[in-house]
Amino acid sequence: MRRYKKKDLLQIVSMLVQVNDSIARAASTVLFEVDEEFAKCQEAAIDLGNYLETLNDMDYTPLVSILEDYCENVYQMGINIQDENLCRKLSKKIRKQLLQLQNAITYDMPADKKEVVFLPYKAAMWDSLESVWRAAQEDENCDAYVIPIPYFDKNPDGSFREEHYEGDLYPEDVPITRYDEYDFEQRKPDIIYIHNAYDNWNLITSVPPKFFSGNLKKWTEQLVYIPYFVLGEVEPDNEQAVEGIKHFCFMPGIINADKVIVQSKDMKRIYVNEFLKAAKEHGLQGKHLDRDYLEQKFLGLGSPKYDRVAATKKEDLMIPQEWLKVIEKSDGSWKKIILYNTGIAALLAHNEKWVDKIENVLNIFKENQDEIALLWRPHPLIESTMKSMRPEVMQKYAMLKDQYLAEGWGIYDETADVDRAVVISDAYYGDSSSVVQLYQQTGKPIMIQNVEIMT
């Protein structure tokens, strides 16, 4: 059913008043058109009554009764349209009823709650939206919906391959709404949050085109993009460093978003500067070239990913039993846990040599398994990336992964919860990635692997 705001309800009532007044003035001369108007009015009143019956914030029975009486009076006017005196009397009754309805909506009906929708696609990236959702969930003036959307792996030619839906992988306290059970066009949420800004620019995965940012923009008053990643902080005036991250600053979702929330004030400056340059290069016009507008569009408020790490306590975590078999020593104490993170950028830069490096690292940690527990966590899209962009390394990587799993001396973490791995580990080793930025918040040691060095 369509979602109505108070202003929508008042517009409907105002329309009914106008139709009633115009029919009362000139009814008998255009009978066919009058019949059509009566039908439209009754249909609008019925829809309005049905909608009010779905609300539970107050007793709307009196308003529904007014609408029922209104429909009866409209019907009587329709069948007696040529009786001018009776129509005039009925018109006065109708106007009084609609005025009662208008006053009740204006003064008695509570203020609209904001309807806020969160559209994650990868469960592992939910931490980029979670703290914002929790704030909306706790706000009595908000109705918050988490609606995971499906996504497809892509073939090298850009066509869609497997479809994935991860709605069952979210924390138990996060209520999930199915994407095919929420009518965006009818409900028109006040705010939509996304963490995927690529639309059809992504070479590895894609959400359904229905959920591209240009379409979402049609269904909401405010589209907000929060990156699913955090970047290493760089000085806005460091041109060489900015060159390496500027591609993150101009994507379809950023162009279409009303607000873009980034991790810091310095990062905001970079996004504004680089967006403005790219907008000029792509021939965009209007507000996209207005620096004052962009200063309001980009907000350096921080990343929810930092909030999630800060809120995750080691003592509150549920550690899988199969992990504990790797972590615990014979006396019950814990080994040192090393988070080994492997990422997409390193794969694309080094190809087969990157797989060789992983093999080398696994062998070293295997030799030291009595004192060190390895927690290997690859980027959640690593295999999709290989299939789409580096198929020549897929077989060797798969054999390496299968051997690691079969031997069982280490942990392989492909769950949606990166924060658990960050919190329980004692140190980070692996590729440079956004996980490094999260890990820095813990103050624990970090070492970036060098693919060129084998030991």
Protein backbone atom coordinates (compact mmCIF):
# COMPACT_ATOMS: atom_id res chain seq x y z
CA MET A 1 0.00 0.00 0.00
CA ARG A 2 1.14 3.52 -0.71
CA ARG A 3 2.65 5.44 2.20
CA TYR A 4 1.01 8.81 2.81
CA LYS A 5 2.46 11.78 4.66
CA LYS A 6 0.30 14.38 6.37
CA LYS A 7 0.85 16.77 3.49
CA ASP A 8 -0.31 14.05 1.06
CA LEU A 9 -3.49 13.47 3.08
CA LEU A 10 -4.22 17.19 3.21
CA GLN A 11 -3.68 17.48 -0.55
CA ILE A 12 -6.21 14.68 -1.13
CA VAL A 13 -8.79 16.36 1.12
CA SER A 14 -8.17 19.70 -0.59
CA MET A 15 -8.73 18.02 -3.95
CA LEU A 16 -12.01 16.53 -2.73
CA VAL A 17 -13.16 19.98 -1.54
CA GLN A 18 -12.35 21.54 -4.92
CA VAL A 19 -14.17 18.79 -6.83
CA ASN A 20 -17.20 19.08 -4.56
CA ASP A 21 -17.39 22.85 -5.07
CA SER A 22 -17.01 22.63 -8.84
CA ILE A 23 -19.65 19.90 -9.17
CA ALA A 24 -22.09 21.86 -7.04
CA ARG A 25 -21.72 24.84 -9.38
CA ALA A 26 -22.11 23.13 -12.76
CA ALA A 27 -23.14 19.53 -12.30
CA SER A 28 -26.18 19.06 -14.55
CA THR A 29 -24.52 20.34 -17.72
CA VAL A 30 -21.75 17.70 -17.96
CA LEU A 31 -23.24 14.50 -16.57
CA PHE A 32 -20.64 12.13 -18.05
CA GLU A 33 -17.69 14.10 -16.65
CA VAL A 34 -19.45 14.45 -13.28
CA ASP A 35 -19.86 10.67 -13.05
CA GLU A 36 -16.12 10.28 -13.64
CA GLU A 37 -15.32 12.83 -10.94
CA PHE A 38 -17.64 11.11 -8.45
CA ALA A 39 -15.88 7.81 -9.11
CA LYS A 40 -12.44 9.37 -8.60
CA CYS A 41 -13.53 11.00 -5.34
CA GLN A 42 -14.97 7.79 -3.95
CA GLU A 43 -11.86 5.85 -4.93
CA ALA A 44 -9.61 8.43 -3.24
CA ALA A 45 -11.73 8.37 -0.09
CA ILE A 46 -11.69 4.57 0.06
CA ASP A 47 -7.90 4.46 -0.37
CA LEU A 48 -7.54 7.09 2.34
CA GLY A 49 -9.80 5.15 4.71
CA ASN A 50 -7.96 1.89 4.08
CA TYR A 51 -4.65 3.63 4.76
CA LEU A 52 -5.87 5.14 8.04
CA GLU A 53 -6.98 1.69 9.20
CA THR A 54 -3.39 0.44 8.87
CA LEU A 55 -2.07 3.08 11.31
CA ASN A 56 -1.81 2.29 15.00
CA ASP A 57 -0.49 5.53 16.52
CA MET A 58 -4.06 6.68 17.42
CA ASP A 59 -7.70 5.66 16.96
CA TYR A 60 -8.68 6.66 13.43
CA THR A 61 -12.18 5.15 13.60
CA PRO A 62 -13.92 8.60 13.68
CA LEU A 63 -12.05 9.71 10.55
CA VAL A 64 -12.87 6.46 8.74
CA SER A 65 -16.54 6.98 9.67
CA ILE A 66 -16.44 10.49 8.20
CA LEU A 67 -15.03 9.07 4.97
CA GLU A 68 -17.73 6.40 4.85
CA ASP A 69 -20.43 9.05 5.29
CA TYR A 70 -18.71 11.17 2.66
CA CYS A 71 -18.82 8.31 0.17
CA GLU A 72 -22.52 7.81 0.85
CA ASN A 73 -23.23 11.52 0.28
CA VAL A 74 -21.19 11.50 -2.94
CA TYR A 75 -23.22 8.49 -4.10
CA GLN A 76 -26.51 10.28 -3.30
CA MET A 77 -25.36 13.38 -5.15
CA GLY A 78 -24.46 11.21 -8.14
CA ILE A 79 -27.87 9.57 -8.44
CA ASN A 80 -29.69 12.86 -7.81
CA ILE A 81 -27.46 15.11 -9.87
CA GLN A 82 -30.37 16.80 -11.63
CA ASP A 83 -32.07 17.74 -8.34
CA GLU A 84 -30.41 21.09 -7.79
CA ASN A 85 -31.79 21.74 -4.28
CA LEU A 86 -30.81 18.29 -2.99
CA CYS A 87 -27.36 18.53 -4.54
CA ARG A 88 -26.81 21.87 -2.86
CA LYS A 89 -27.74 20.39 0.54
CA LEU A 90 -25.51 17.37 -0.02
CA SER A 91 -22.65 19.60 -1.13
CA LYS A 92 -22.87 21.55 2.15
CA LYS A 93 -22.79 18.30 4.14
CA ILE A 94 -19.81 17.11 2.14
CA ARG A 95 -17.94 20.37 2.66
CA LYS A 96 -18.55 20.17 6.42
CA GLN A 97 -17.33 16.57 6.51
CA LEU A 98 -14.19 17.39 4.56
CA LEU A 99 -13.48 20.38 6.84
CA GLN A 100 -13.74 18.05 9.87
CA LEU A 101 -11.36 15.65 8.17
CA GLN A 102 -8.94 18.45 7.29
CA ASN A 103 -8.87 19.77 10.87
CA ALA A 104 -8.39 16.29 12.35
CA ILE A 105 -5.44 15.56 10.05
CA THR A 106 -3.89 18.97 10.72
CA TYR A 107 -4.30 19.19 14.50
CA ASP A 108 -4.87 15.68 15.86
CA MET A 109 -2.70 13.49 13.69
CA PRO A 110 0.86 13.07 15.04
CA ALA A 111 3.76 14.44 13.04
CA ASP A 112 5.09 12.20 10.30
CA LYS A 113 7.80 9.74 11.20
CA LYS A 114 10.71 9.70 8.83
CA GLU A 115 10.93 6.46 6.88
CA VAL A 116 14.60 5.57 6.49
CA VAL A 117 15.80 2.70 4.32
CA PHE A 118 19.24 1.07 4.36
CA LEU A 119 20.27 -0.84 1.23
CA PRO A 120 23.38 -2.93 1.90
CA TYR A 121 24.30 -5.63 -0.59
CA LYS A 122 27.32 -7.41 0.95
CA ALA A 123 26.70 -8.47 4.55
CA ALA A 124 30.44 -8.05 5.22
CA MET A 125 30.03 -4.35 4.43
CA TRP A 126 27.12 -3.80 6.80
CA ASP A 127 29.46 -2.18 9.33
CA SER A 128 29.63 0.87 7.04
CA LEU A 129 25.95 1.55 7.77
CA GLU A 130 25.27 -0.11 11.11
CA SER A 131 25.80 2.74 13.59
CA VAL A 132 23.63 5.05 11.47
CA TRP A 133 20.89 2.39 11.41
CA ARG A 134 21.11 1.92 15.17
CA ALA A 135 20.65 5.66 15.72
CA ALA A 136 17.61 5.67 13.40
CA GLN A 137 16.23 2.52 15.06
CA GLU A 138 16.38 4.17 18.49
CA ASP A 139 14.79 7.40 17.27
CA GLU A 140 11.07 7.33 18.06
CA ASN A 141 10.49 9.69 15.15
CA CYS A 142 11.95 7.23 12.61
CA ASP A 143 10.83 4.00 11.01
CA ALA A 144 14.02 2.28 9.89
CA TYR A 145 14.17 -0.60 7.39
CA VAL A 146 17.20 -2.74 6.54
CA ILE A 147 16.64 -4.14 3.05
CA PRO A 148 19.59 -6.19 1.75
CA ILE A 149 19.57 -6.26 -2.04
CA PRO A 150 20.94 -9.05 -4.24
CA TYR A 151 24.01 -8.73 -6.39
CA PHE A 152 25.54 -10.55 -9.34
CA ASP A 153 29.07 -11.63 -10.12
CA LYS A 154 30.11 -10.42 -13.57
CA ASN A 155 31.83 -12.22 -16.40
CA PRO A 156 34.87 -10.65 -18.10
CA ASP A 157 32.55 -9.36 -20.84
CA GLY A 158 30.38 -7.57 -18.27
CA SER A 159 27.42 -9.94 -18.40
CA PHE A 160 25.85 -11.15 -15.16
CA ARG A 161 26.81 -14.53 -13.70
CA GLU A 162 25.68 -15.94 -10.33
CA GLU A 163 23.14 -14.09 -8.21
CA HIS A 164 23.77 -13.73 -4.47
CA TYR A 165 21.46 -12.68 -1.64
CA GLU A 166 22.89 -12.38 1.87
CA GLY A 167 19.84 -11.36 3.88
CA ASP A 168 20.37 -14.26 6.29
CA LEU A 169 23.93 -13.21 7.23
CA TYR A 170 23.18 -10.09 9.26
CA PRO A 171 23.35 -9.83 13.08
CA GLU A 172 20.39 -11.40 14.86
CA ASP A 173 19.24 -8.06 16.29
CA VAL A 174 18.93 -6.49 12.83
CA PRO A 175 15.38 -7.01 11.46
CA ILE A 176 15.51 -7.70 7.73
CA THR A 177 12.90 -6.72 5.13
CA ARG A 178 12.92 -8.56 1.81
CA TYR A 179 13.72 -6.30 -1.13
CA ASP A 180 10.81 -7.77 -3.11
CA GLU A 181 8.34 -7.07 -0.28
CA TYR A 182 8.95 -3.32 -0.05
CA ASP A 183 7.36 -1.14 -2.71
CA PHE A 184 9.82 1.73 -3.16
CA GLU A 185 7.71 3.53 -5.74
CA GLN A 186 4.63 3.52 -3.50
CA ARG A 187 6.31 4.12 -0.14
CA LYS A 188 8.85 6.73 -1.27
CA PRO A 189 11.06 6.65 1.85
CA ASP A 190 12.34 9.97 3.16
CA ILE A 191 15.97 8.82 3.16
CA ILE A 192 17.80 5.95 1.44
CA TYR A 193 21.32 5.01 2.55
CA ILE A 194 23.63 3.09 0.20
CA HIS A 195 27.24 1.91 0.44
CA ASN A 196 27.59 0.91 -3.21
CA ALA A 197 28.14 3.84 -5.56
CA TYR A 198 29.43 2.01 -8.64
CA ASP A 199 26.18 1.18 -10.51
CA ASN A 200 27.31 -0.17 -13.91
CA TRP A 201 30.91 0.99 -13.42
CA ASN A 202 31.82 -2.04 -11.30
CA LEU A 203 33.71 -4.70 -13.30
CA ILE A 204 33.41 -7.42 -10.65
CA THR A 205 29.88 -7.34 -9.25
CA SER A 206 26.64 -5.46 -9.85
CA VAL A 207 23.41 -4.90 -7.99
CA PRO A 208 20.29 -5.19 -10.18
CA PRO A 209 19.86 -2.09 -12.36
CA LYS A 210 16.62 -1.39 -10.51
CA PHE A 211 18.80 -0.43 -7.54
CA PHE A 212 21.24 1.79 -9.41
CA SER A 213 21.51 5.18 -7.74
CA GLY A 214 19.73 6.99 -10.58
CA ASN A 215 16.59 4.93 -9.95
CA LEU A 216 16.84 5.18 -6.16
CA LYS A 217 16.99 8.94 -6.54
CA LYS A 218 13.49 8.89 -8.06
CA TRP A 219 12.06 7.17 -4.98
CA THR A 220 13.37 9.32 -2.16
CA GLU A 221 13.78 12.91 -1.06
CA GLN A 222 17.34 12.25 0.11
CA LEU A 223 19.83 9.68 -1.19
CA VAL A 224 22.86 9.29 1.10
CA TYR A 225 26.06 7.46 0.19
CA ILE A 226 28.51 6.19 2.83
CA PRO A 227 31.57 4.33 1.44
CA TYR A 228 31.90 0.71 2.50
CA PHE A 229 35.63 1.29 2.94
CA VAL A 230 37.94 3.68 4.75
CA LEU A 231 41.04 5.10 3.09
CA GLY A 232 44.44 5.94 4.46
CA GLU A 233 44.42 9.58 5.50
CA VAL A 234 46.41 11.84 3.20
CA GLU A 235 46.99 15.58 3.13
CA PRO A 236 44.68 17.32 0.63
CA ASP A 237 47.67 19.19 -0.79
CA ASN A 238 49.70 16.03 -1.38
CA GLU A 239 49.05 15.69 -5.11
CA GLN A 240 50.81 12.34 -5.48
CA ALA A 241 48.86 10.75 -2.64
CA VAL A 242 45.56 12.21 -3.84
CA GLU A 243 46.21 10.83 -7.32
CA GLY A 244 46.02 7.32 -5.89
CA ILE A 245 42.56 7.76 -4.38
CA LYS A 246 40.82 10.27 -6.64
CA HIS A 247 38.89 7.54 -8.51
CA PHE A 248 36.85 6.98 -5.33
CA CYS A 249 35.59 10.58 -5.47
CA PHE A 250 33.59 10.45 -8.69
CA MET A 251 31.15 7.59 -9.28
CA PRO A 252 27.48 7.38 -10.32
CA GLY A 253 26.25 7.03 -6.75
CA ILE A 254 28.23 10.08 -5.70
CA ILE A 255 26.88 12.11 -8.61
CA ASN A 256 23.29 11.14 -7.78
CA ALA A 257 23.54 11.31 -3.98
CA ASP A 258 22.19 14.30 -2.08
CA LYS A 259 24.69 13.71 0.72
CA VAL A 260 28.02 11.87 0.83
CA ILE A 261 29.45 11.05 4.24
CA VAL A 262 33.22 10.54 4.33
CA GLN A 263 35.65 9.66 7.09
CA SER A 264 37.26 13.03 7.92
CA LYS A 265 37.36 16.75 7.15
CA ASP A 266 40.55 16.32 5.13
CA MET A 267 38.89 13.57 3.08
CA LYS A 268 35.93 15.88 2.49
CA ARG A 269 38.30 18.48 0.99
CA ILE A 270 39.75 15.83 -1.31
CA TYR A 271 36.31 14.61 -2.42
CA VAL A 272 35.09 18.15 -3.13
CA ASN A 273 38.21 19.09 -5.07
CA GLU A 274 38.40 15.88 -7.11
CA PHE A 275 34.65 15.71 -7.77
CA LEU A 276 34.73 19.26 -9.12
CA LYS A 277 37.62 18.44 -11.47
CA ALA A 278 35.98 15.23 -12.72
CA ALA A 279 32.59 16.92 -13.15
CA LYS A 280 34.17 19.48 -15.46
CA GLU A 281 35.96 16.76 -17.43
CA HIS A 282 32.70 14.81 -17.86
CA GLY A 283 30.75 17.88 -18.94
CA LEU A 284 28.37 18.00 -15.98
CA GLN A 285 26.50 21.24 -15.45
CA GLY A 286 24.69 23.22 -12.78
CA LYS A 287 25.05 22.34 -9.11
CA HIS A 288 27.76 19.74 -9.85
CA LEU A 289 30.09 22.65 -10.63
CA ASP A 290 28.99 24.78 -7.67
CA ARG A 291 31.61 24.56 -4.92
CA ASP A 292 29.24 25.99 -2.31
CA TYR A 293 26.73 23.23 -3.12
CA LEU A 294 29.45 20.56 -2.96
CA GLU A 295 30.61 21.85 0.42
CA GLN A 296 27.10 21.08 1.69
CA LYS A 297 26.83 17.77 -0.15
CA PHE A 298 30.04 16.21 1.19
CA LEU A 299 30.20 15.80 4.97
CA GLY A 300 33.36 14.75 6.82
CA LEU A 301 31.51 13.18 9.76
CA GLY A 302 33.57 10.00 10.15
CA SER A 303 32.95 6.39 9.20
CA PRO A 304 30.44 4.06 10.90
CA LYS A 305 33.10 1.38 10.45
CA TYR A 306 35.12 3.08 13.19
CA ASP A 307 32.03 3.15 15.41
CA ARG A 308 31.55 -0.60 14.98
CA VAL A 309 35.14 -1.47 15.93
CA ALA A 310 35.00 0.81 18.97
CA ALA A 311 31.75 -0.80 20.14
CA THR A 312 32.94 -4.40 19.70
CA LYS A 313 34.34 -5.86 22.95
CA LYS A 314 36.45 -9.02 22.99
CA GLU A 315 34.65 -10.43 26.02
CA ASP A 316 31.27 -10.13 24.28
CA LEU A 317 32.26 -12.04 21.14
CA MET A 318 31.06 -15.53 20.34
CA ILE A 319 34.12 -17.46 19.16
CA PRO A 320 33.29 -20.54 17.03
CA GLN A 321 34.39 -23.83 18.55
CA GLU A 322 36.42 -24.71 15.47
CA TRP A 323 38.34 -21.44 15.93
CA LEU A 324 39.04 -22.24 19.57
CA LYS A 325 40.60 -25.55 18.56
CA VAL A 326 43.19 -23.53 16.64
CA ILE A 327 43.58 -20.70 19.18
CA GLU A 328 43.84 -22.56 22.49
CA LYS A 329 47.01 -24.21 23.75
CA SER A 330 46.91 -27.45 25.71
CA ASP A 331 46.95 -25.53 29.01
CA GLY A 332 43.90 -23.45 27.98
CA SER A 333 45.79 -20.23 27.31
CA TRP A 334 45.55 -18.52 23.91
CA LYS A 335 48.21 -18.38 21.27
CA LYS A 336 49.06 -15.07 19.66
CA ILE A 337 46.52 -14.50 16.88
CA ILE A 338 47.66 -12.92 13.62
CA LEU A 339 45.04 -11.49 11.29
CA TYR A 340 46.25 -12.26 7.78
CA ASN A 341 44.27 -10.09 5.37
CA THR A 342 44.59 -10.52 1.60
CA GLY A 343 43.06 -7.93 -0.72
CA ILE A 344 41.96 -7.18 -4.25
CA ALA A 345 44.42 -4.40 -5.09
CA ALA A 346 47.41 -6.64 -4.39
CA LEU A 347 45.90 -9.45 -6.48
CA LEU A 348 45.36 -7.15 -9.46
CA ALA A 349 48.85 -5.67 -9.13
CA HIS A 350 50.84 -8.90 -8.74
CA ASN A 351 48.75 -11.73 -10.23
CA GLU A 352 50.36 -15.18 -9.77
CA LYS A 353 53.20 -13.78 -7.66
CA TRP A 354 50.56 -12.73 -5.12
CA VAL A 355 49.36 -16.34 -4.85
CA ASP A 356 52.96 -17.49 -4.44
CA LYS A 357 53.36 -15.01 -1.60
CA ILE A 358 50.27 -16.38 0.15
CA GLU A 359 51.65 -19.91 -0.19
CA ASN A 360 54.95 -18.76 1.31
CA VAL A 361 53.21 -17.05 4.23
CA LEU A 362 51.03 -20.07 4.98
CA ASN A 363 54.06 -22.34 5.09
CA ILE A 364 55.80 -20.07 7.61
CA PHE A 365 52.80 -19.87 9.91
CA LYS A 366 52.23 -23.61 9.62
CA GLU A 367 55.72 -24.20 10.98
CA ASN A 368 54.93 -21.93 13.95
CA GLN A 369 51.38 -23.11 14.65
CA ASP A 370 52.18 -24.18 18.23
CA GLU A 371 52.67 -20.56 19.30
CA ILE A 372 50.79 -18.56 16.66
CA ALA A 373 47.23 -18.94 15.40
CA LEU A 374 46.74 -17.65 11.86
CA LEU A 375 43.39 -16.05 11.06
CA TRP A 376 43.28 -15.75 7.28
CA ARG A 377 40.59 -13.39 6.06
CA PRO A 378 40.48 -12.65 2.30
CA HIS A 379 38.52 -9.75 0.86
CA PRO A 380 34.89 -10.93 0.51
CA LEU A 381 34.97 -10.35 -3.27
CA ILE A 382 38.37 -11.90 -3.91
CA GLU A 383 37.15 -14.99 -5.77
CA SER A 384 34.59 -13.02 -7.76
CA THR A 385 37.42 -10.69 -8.79
CA MET A 386 39.58 -13.59 -9.92
CA LYS A 387 36.82 -15.13 -12.01
CA SER A 388 36.06 -11.79 -13.65
CA MET A 389 39.53 -10.23 -14.01
CA ARG A 390 42.27 -12.79 -13.20
CA PRO A 391 40.92 -16.24 -14.16
CA GLU A 392 44.47 -17.51 -14.82
CA VAL A 393 45.28 -17.55 -11.07
CA MET A 394 42.00 -19.01 -9.88
CA GLN A 395 42.99 -22.68 -10.02
CA LYS A 396 46.20 -22.29 -8.03
CA TYR A 397 44.50 -20.08 -5.44
CA ALA A 398 41.63 -22.55 -5.05
CA MET A 399 44.06 -25.46 -4.52
CA LEU A 400 45.94 -23.44 -1.90
CA LYS A 401 42.74 -22.52 -0.07
CA ASP A 402 41.42 -26.10 -0.18
CA GLN A 403 44.67 -27.45 1.24
CA TYR A 404 44.62 -24.88 4.05
CA LEU A 405 41.04 -25.81 4.94
CA ALA A 406 41.74 -29.55 4.80
CA GLU A 407 44.79 -29.36 7.07
CA GLY A 408 42.87 -27.38 9.67
CA TRP A 409 45.82 -25.84 11.52
CA GLY A 410 44.61 -22.24 10.88
CA ILE A 411 41.38 -20.28 10.73
CA TYR A 412 39.74 -19.29 7.45
CA ASP A 413 37.30 -16.43 8.03
CA GLU A 414 34.82 -15.70 5.26
CA THR A 415 32.06 -14.50 7.58
CA ALA A 416 30.41 -11.09 7.34
CA ASP A 417 31.95 -9.93 10.63
CA VAL A 418 35.35 -8.34 10.03
CA ASP A 419 35.25 -6.61 13.41
CA ARG A 420 35.47 -9.91 15.28
CA ALA A 421 38.72 -10.69 13.46
CA VAL A 422 40.07 -7.20 14.19
CA VAL A 423 39.20 -7.34 17.88
CA ILE A 424 40.37 -10.87 18.80
CA SER A 425 43.67 -10.74 16.90
CA ASP A 426 46.90 -9.47 18.43
CA ALA A 427 48.50 -8.10 15.27
CA TYR A 428 47.80 -7.46 11.58
CA TYR A 429 49.79 -8.83 8.67
CA GLY A 430 48.84 -8.72 5.02
CA ASP A 431 47.96 -6.46 2.12
CA SER A 432 47.26 -2.78 2.36
CA SER A 433 43.48 -2.32 2.47
CA SER A 434 40.71 -0.51 4.30
CA VAL A 435 41.03 -3.11 7.08
CA VAL A 436 44.39 -1.51 7.89
CA GLN A 437 42.63 1.78 8.61
CA LEU A 438 40.26 -0.02 10.98
CA TYR A 439 43.12 -1.84 12.64
CA GLN A 440 44.91 1.42 13.35
CA GLN A 441 42.03 2.32 15.67
CA THR A 442 43.02 -0.56 17.97
CA GLY A 443 46.61 0.56 18.46
CA LYS A 444 47.86 -2.99 17.82
CA PRO A 445 50.88 -3.79 15.58
CA ILE A 446 50.49 -3.68 11.79
CA MET A 447 52.83 -5.06 9.14
CA ILE A 448 52.15 -4.82 5.40
CA GLN A 449 53.35 -7.78 3.37
CA ASN A 450 55.76 -7.28 0.46
CA VAL A 451 54.86 -9.62 -2.39
CA GLU A 452 58.38 -9.27 -3.80
CA ILE A 453 60.00 -10.80 -0.71
CA MET A 454 59.85 -14.54 -0.10
CA THR A 455 61.38 -15.98 3.06
